[in-house]
Protein backbone atom coordinates (compact mmCIF):
# COMPACT_ATOMS: atom_id res chain seq x y z
CA UNK A 1 -0.60 24.57 -9.02
CA UNK A 2 0.60 20.80 -8.76
CA UNK A 3 -2.07 18.13 -8.58
CA UNK A 4 -0.64 16.92 -5.58
CA UNK A 5 -0.85 20.85 -3.92
CA UNK A 6 -3.89 21.17 -5.44
CA UNK A 7 -5.18 17.46 -3.41
CA UNK A 8 -3.83 18.28 -0.06
CA UNK A 9 -6.10 21.49 -0.33
CA UNK A 10 -9.12 19.67 -0.90
CA UNK A 11 -8.74 17.54 2.54
CA UNK A 12 -10.33 18.43 5.40
CA UNK A 13 -7.05 17.59 7.71
CA UNK A 14 -5.23 20.82 5.89
CA UNK A 15 -7.53 23.48 5.69
CA UNK A 16 -7.31 26.08 8.02
CA UNK A 17 -8.90 26.41 11.78
CA UNK A 18 -10.73 29.82 11.72
CA UNK A 19 -10.60 29.07 15.88
CA UNK A 20 -7.04 29.16 15.89
CA UNK A 21 -5.86 32.67 13.41
CA UNK A 22 -4.40 34.32 16.52
CA UNK A 23 -2.66 31.03 17.59
CA UNK A 24 0.53 33.28 17.78
CA UNK A 25 -0.87 35.61 20.13
CA UNK A 26 -2.03 33.31 22.91
CA UNK A 27 -1.10 32.67 26.18
CA UNK A 28 -0.42 29.81 27.58
CA UNK A 29 -3.74 29.38 29.44
CA UNK A 30 -4.95 30.34 26.31
CA UNK A 31 -2.98 27.91 24.36
CA UNK A 32 -4.30 24.97 26.21
CA UNK A 33 -7.96 26.06 26.79
CA UNK A 34 -8.18 26.32 22.76
CA UNK A 35 -6.62 22.67 22.25
CA UNK A 36 -8.94 21.00 24.76
CA UNK A 37 -12.07 22.76 23.34
CA UNK A 38 -10.86 21.56 19.71
CA UNK A 39 -10.86 18.10 21.18
CA UNK A 40 -13.93 17.54 22.46
CA UNK A 41 -14.98 17.34 19.15
CA UNK A 42 -12.78 14.25 18.93
CA UNK A 43 -14.90 12.19 20.68
CA UNK A 44 -17.94 12.75 18.71
CA UNK A 45 -16.27 11.98 15.78
CA UNK A 46 -15.35 9.01 16.71
CA UNK A 47 -18.77 8.01 17.98
CA UNK A 48 -20.17 8.72 14.11
CA UNK A 49 -17.94 5.53 13.11
CA UNK A 50 -19.18 3.23 16.43
CA UNK A 51 -21.11 0.63 13.56
CA UNK A 52 -18.18 0.55 11.35
CA UNK A 53 -15.72 0.05 14.12
CA UNK A 54 -18.23 -2.70 15.45
CA UNK A 55 -17.89 -4.57 11.99
CA UNK A 56 -14.11 -4.17 12.39
CA UNK A 57 -14.01 -5.57 16.15
CA UNK A 58 -16.39 -8.45 14.57
CA UNK A 59 -13.55 -9.19 11.71
CA UNK A 60 -10.98 -8.96 14.22
CA UNK A 61 -12.23 -11.90 16.30
CA UNK A 62 -13.26 -14.15 13.84
CA UNK A 63 -9.78 -14.20 12.01
CA UNK A 64 -8.07 -14.61 15.50
CA UNK A 65 -10.44 -17.37 15.87
CA UNK A 66 -9.24 -19.06 12.23
CA UNK A 67 -5.76 -18.52 13.16
CA UNK A 68 -5.26 -14.86 11.60
CA UNK A 69 -3.29 -11.33 12.62
CA UNK A 70 -3.81 -8.26 13.05
CA UNK A 71 -1.83 -5.56 11.15
CA UNK A 72 -1.79 -2.42 11.29
CA UNK A 73 -0.23 -0.41 8.65
CA UNK A 74 0.91 3.48 8.69
CA UNK A 75 3.08 5.79 8.18
CA UNK A 76 4.80 8.77 10.52
CA UNK A 77 2.14 9.34 13.60
CA UNK A 78 -0.05 7.20 12.07
CA UNK A 79 2.04 4.02 12.12
CA UNK A 80 3.81 4.85 15.52
CA UNK A 81 -0.13 4.83 17.25
CA UNK A 82 -0.52 1.31 15.11
CA UNK A 83 3.00 0.23 16.87
CA UNK A 84 2.02 1.71 20.17
CA UNK A 85 -1.45 -0.69 20.10
CA UNK A 86 0.79 -3.58 19.01
CA UNK A 87 3.43 -3.31 21.43
CA UNK A 88 0.67 -3.20 24.32
CA UNK A 89 -1.17 -6.30 23.61
CA UNK A 90 1.19 -9.25 24.36
CA UNK A 91 1.94 -7.65 28.44
CA UNK A 92 -1.75 -6.13 28.85
CA UNK A 93 -3.97 -9.36 27.18
CA UNK A 94 -1.19 -12.79 26.97
CA UNK A 95 -0.99 -13.10 23.43
CA UNK A 96 2.34 -13.88 21.18
CA UNK A 97 4.12 -10.48 19.89
CA UNK A 98 3.16 -12.25 16.27
CA UNK A 99 -0.65 -11.96 17.00
CA UNK A 100 -0.83 -8.04 16.70
CA UNK A 101 1.78 -6.40 14.67
CA UNK A 102 2.32 -2.66 13.68
CA UNK A 103 4.43 -1.69 10.70
CA UNK A 104 6.21 1.21 9.73
CA UNK A 105 7.09 2.98 6.21
CA UNK A 106 10.79 3.29 6.78
CA UNK A 107 10.98 0.57 9.23
CA UNK A 108 11.74 0.90 12.84
CA UNK A 109 13.82 3.46 12.30
CA UNK A 110 11.33 6.08 11.95
CA UNK A 111 9.43 5.00 14.83
CA UNK A 112 11.54 7.31 16.86
CA UNK A 113 13.03 9.40 14.01
CA UNK A 114 10.99 11.29 11.06
CA UNK A 115 11.41 8.98 7.47
CA UNK A 116 9.05 11.25 5.75
CA UNK A 117 9.74 10.29 1.67
CA UNK A 118 9.17 6.68 3.31
CA UNK A 119 5.61 7.27 3.12
CA UNK A 120 5.22 8.04 -0.45
CA UNK A 121 6.71 4.74 -1.70
CA UNK A 122 3.63 2.64 -2.73
CA UNK A 123 5.39 -0.48 -3.75
CA UNK A 124 7.36 -0.66 -0.11
CA UNK A 125 3.24 -0.96 1.29
CA UNK A 126 3.08 -4.17 -0.91
CA UNK A 127 6.55 -5.42 -0.27
CA UNK A 128 6.58 -5.73 3.43
CA UNK A 129 3.00 -7.35 3.81
CA UNK A 130 5.14 -9.85 1.87
CA UNK A 131 7.57 -10.02 4.16
CA UNK A 132 5.04 -10.84 7.00
CA UNK A 133 3.77 -13.31 4.87
CA UNK A 134 0.92 -11.73 4.58
CA UNK A 135 -2.49 -14.23 4.14
CA UNK A 136 -6.20 -14.38 3.72
CA UNK A 137 -6.74 -15.18 6.95
CA UNK A 138 -4.87 -11.75 8.62
CA UNK A 139 -6.61 -8.24 8.89
CA UNK A 140 -4.94 -5.50 7.87
CA UNK A 141 -5.86 -1.93 9.17
CA UNK A 142 -4.40 1.13 6.92
CA UNK A 143 -3.84 4.46 8.97
CA UNK A 144 -3.36 7.02 7.26
CA UNK A 145 -5.02 10.85 8.69
CA UNK A 146 -5.18 11.88 4.42
CA UNK A 147 -6.75 8.62 3.23
CA UNK A 148 -4.07 8.73 0.15
CA UNK A 149 -0.63 7.64 1.56
CA UNK A 150 0.31 6.08 -1.41
CA UNK A 151 2.71 2.94 1.48
CA UNK A 152 -0.89 2.64 2.87
CA UNK A 153 -2.84 2.75 -0.30
CA UNK A 154 -0.20 -0.18 -1.51
CA UNK A 155 -0.95 -2.53 1.30
CA UNK A 156 -4.29 -2.23 1.22
CA UNK A 157 -4.67 -3.06 -2.54
CA UNK A 158 -2.44 -5.99 -2.00
CA UNK A 159 -4.13 -7.05 0.81
CA UNK A 160 -7.25 -6.69 -0.76
CA UNK A 161 -5.85 -8.59 -3.75
CA UNK A 162 -4.71 -12.18 -1.31
CA UNK A 163 -8.36 -11.81 -0.29
CA UNK A 164 -7.42 -10.84 3.37
CA UNK A 165 -10.33 -8.25 4.82
CA UNK A 166 -9.27 -4.58 5.22
CA UNK A 167 -10.18 -1.80 6.92
CA UNK A 168 -9.44 1.72 6.30
CA UNK A 169 -8.41 4.34 9.31
CA UNK A 170 -8.59 8.25 8.22
CA UNK A 171 -9.50 11.75 8.64
CA UNK A 172 -10.87 12.68 5.59
CA UNK A 173 -14.13 11.97 3.75
CA UNK A 174 -14.39 9.68 0.81
CA UNK A 175 -10.57 9.09 0.67
CA UNK A 176 -9.05 6.67 -1.64
CA UNK A 177 -8.34 4.08 1.41
CA UNK A 178 -11.60 3.99 2.14
CA UNK A 179 -13.06 3.24 -0.99
CA UNK A 180 -10.56 0.57 -1.43
CA UNK A 181 -11.44 -0.72 2.06
CA UNK A 182 -13.76 -3.55 3.49
CA UNK A 183 -14.52 -1.41 6.34
CA UNK A 184 -13.79 2.01 6.29
CA UNK A 185 -13.74 4.05 9.70
CA UNK A 186 -13.90 7.82 9.54
CA UNK A 187 -13.69 10.19 12.03
CA UNK A 188 -14.22 13.69 10.53
CA UNK A 189 -12.11 16.11 13.56
CA UNK A 190 -12.43 19.06 11.25
CA UNK A 191 -9.14 21.21 10.73
CA UNK A 192 -6.34 21.72 13.25
CA UNK A 193 -5.54 24.74 15.46
CA UNK A 194 -1.93 24.39 13.98
CA UNK A 195 -2.71 24.18 10.41
CA UNK A 196 -1.83 20.86 8.92
CA UNK A 197 -0.23 18.82 11.95
CA UNK A 198 -2.32 16.07 11.89
CA UNK A 199 -0.95 15.07 15.08
CA UNK A 200 -3.23 17.00 17.09
CA UNK A 201 -7.17 15.74 16.93
CA UNK A 202 -6.44 13.42 13.82
CA UNK A 203 -4.00 11.72 16.36
CA UNK A 204 -6.04 11.37 19.21
CA UNK A 205 -8.96 10.14 17.03
CA UNK A 206 -7.11 7.23 15.32
CA UNK A 207 -5.90 6.35 19.19
CA UNK A 208 -9.35 6.03 20.04
CA UNK A 209 -10.14 3.63 16.98
CA UNK A 210 -7.13 1.47 18.05
CA UNK A 211 -8.15 2.03 21.82
CA UNK A 212 -11.71 0.09 20.47
CA UNK A 213 -10.15 -1.90 17.85
CA UNK A 214 -7.46 -4.00 20.52
CA UNK A 215 -9.57 -3.98 23.06
CA UNK A 216 -13.09 -4.91 22.16
CA UNK A 217 -11.49 -8.12 20.38
CA UNK A 218 -9.23 -9.54 23.20
CA UNK A 219 -12.33 -9.23 25.57
CA UNK A 220 -14.69 -11.11 23.01
CA UNK A 221 -12.02 -13.32 22.68
CA UNK A 222 -11.63 -13.79 26.65
CA UNK A 223 -8.80 -12.30 27.74
CA UNK A 224 -11.21 -10.34 31.07
CA UNK A 225 -13.24 -11.69 33.22
CA UNK A 226 -16.09 -8.84 34.18
CA UNK A 227 -13.82 -5.83 33.60
CA UNK A 228 -10.50 -7.10 34.91
CA UNK A 229 -7.38 -8.09 32.87
CA UNK A 230 -6.80 -11.29 34.01
CA UNK A 231 -3.97 -12.63 30.89
CA UNK A 232 -1.52 -9.76 32.35
CA UNK A 233 1.79 -10.83 32.17
CA UNK A 234 3.13 -10.57 35.35
CA UNK A 235 6.50 -9.58 34.29
CA UNK A 236 7.89 -7.26 36.58
CA UNK A 237 7.34 -5.63 39.94
CA UNK A 238 4.11 -3.75 39.40
CA UNK A 239 2.38 -6.02 37.48
CA UNK A 240 3.02 -9.09 39.75
CA UNK A 241 1.15 -6.56 42.02
CA UNK A 242 -1.00 -6.22 40.19
CA UNK A 243 -2.20 -9.65 39.60
CA UNK A 244 -2.41 -10.91 42.86
CA UNK A 245 -4.81 -7.99 43.45
CA UNK A 246 -6.82 -9.59 40.09
CA UNK A 247 -7.23 -12.46 41.56
CA UNK A 248 -8.30 -10.38 45.12
CA UNK A 249 -10.79 -9.13 43.15
CA UNK A 250 -12.44 -11.78 41.06
CA UNK A 251 -12.67 -14.46 44.06
CA UNK A 252 -13.07 -12.22 47.24
CA UNK A 253 -9.66 -14.06 48.53
CA UNK A 254 -6.95 -13.12 50.75
CA UNK A 255 -3.67 -11.45 50.05
CA UNK A 256 -2.32 -14.25 51.19
CA UNK A 257 -4.47 -16.91 49.82
CA UNK A 258 -3.74 -15.53 45.85
CA UNK A 259 -0.38 -15.09 46.04
CA UNK A 260 -0.44 -18.33 47.00
CA UNK A 261 -2.57 -19.45 43.83
CA UNK A 262 -0.43 -17.54 41.78
CA UNK A 263 2.17 -19.29 42.44
CA UNK A 264 0.91 -22.42 41.54
CA UNK A 265 -0.64 -21.12 38.32
CA UNK A 266 3.23 -19.96 37.72
CA UNK A 267 1.68 -16.08 37.82
CA UNK A 268 -0.96 -16.87 35.28
CA UNK A 269 -4.02 -14.63 36.90
CA UNK A 270 -7.00 -16.58 34.58
CA UNK A 271 -5.65 -19.73 36.39
CA UNK A 272 -5.24 -19.06 39.78
CA UNK A 273 -9.06 -17.41 39.69
CA UNK A 274 -9.96 -20.42 37.96
CA UNK A 275 -8.00 -22.93 40.70
CA UNK A 276 -9.57 -20.61 43.45
CA UNK A 277 -13.73 -20.45 42.60
CA UNK A 278 -13.78 -23.68 40.81
CA UNK A 279 -12.04 -25.38 43.59
CA UNK A 280 -10.08 -27.39 41.15
CA UNK A 281 -6.53 -28.45 40.76
CA UNK A 282 -4.28 -27.33 38.39
CA UNK A 283 -4.94 -29.70 35.66
CA UNK A 284 -8.36 -29.69 36.25
CA UNK A 285 -8.42 -25.72 35.70
CA UNK A 286 -6.40 -25.56 32.67
CA UNK A 287 -8.84 -28.23 30.97
CA UNK A 288 -11.87 -26.75 31.34
CA UNK A 289 -10.57 -23.09 30.38
CA UNK A 290 -8.52 -25.15 27.03
CA UNK A 291 -12.24 -26.75 26.27
CA UNK A 292 -14.35 -22.64 26.51
CA UNK A 293 -10.94 -21.56 24.32
CA UNK A 294 -9.66 -19.47 27.67
CA UNK A 295 -13.27 -17.78 28.73
CA UNK A 296 -13.05 -17.98 31.92
CA UNK A 297 -16.55 -17.03 32.53
CA UNK A 298 -18.01 -20.01 30.39
CA UNK A 299 -15.48 -22.37 32.17
CA UNK A 300 -17.25 -21.34 35.66
CA UNK A 301 -20.69 -21.83 34.69
CA UNK A 302 -19.87 -25.22 33.28
CA UNK A 303 -19.15 -25.87 36.98
CA UNK A 304 -22.48 -24.88 37.86
CA UNK A 305 -24.46 -26.55 35.13
CA UNK A 306 -22.36 -29.58 36.17
CA UNK A 307 -23.53 -30.07 40.07
């Protein structure tokens, strides 16, 4: 038995699940019921990691405030999940595509087609970060269910070496990644119903953690008002309708008023809301928002304090 085979055999994510030994004998309803039962363990596994996830959010916010970026790096399913989360940030939160970046072993080709051998190249993990000009200002989140993927380890080692803050998300305890990273997030979801298919519970756990990291960080950066996504980019018909609805919900105005102010604000919902609630011109509203780094509630409170 090779050392690699022995190492894999020890991973929680590679074990056989005793609840699914009869998987090939189940009906469709029995199959999806079993999957659903197993999936219920995922939220509890993530719950156990909330203190570490919160630490990671604080680190990300600090990096953003100092001009740093959030970089996700992974291979296979993990890498694709990082790319997915990064790609959703510009339309949802109005940030530049360069603020949250997802990179995957094997490059963009690996997003659609498996490039399985790419994950074994530790040097490539370092090279990809060098090409991004990763610096001490940035946050690197390494993603690998096993916690031992060479490509991700190479990235974490390099980021650590240059002084960037490092976060590891894996689903196996005491992993090599966790030992390197400044913050380790380890939702241990147990064995998959299809042995070793870590796109299942482990993939869901990683997606849940990424949802928390990006959303909580953006909220703290002032990208929402109450629970409304006021920096949404109204780039299509659905999102333009959503922007109108957001302005109406935030201000209790009618649709015509919301549409009017959105036009004045070039479809920027946050700015339109500031103009309505603050009874301000566009330039005055922009100036106040700039003074609070885009935090709408803080800008509105300044108006109240001045009254």
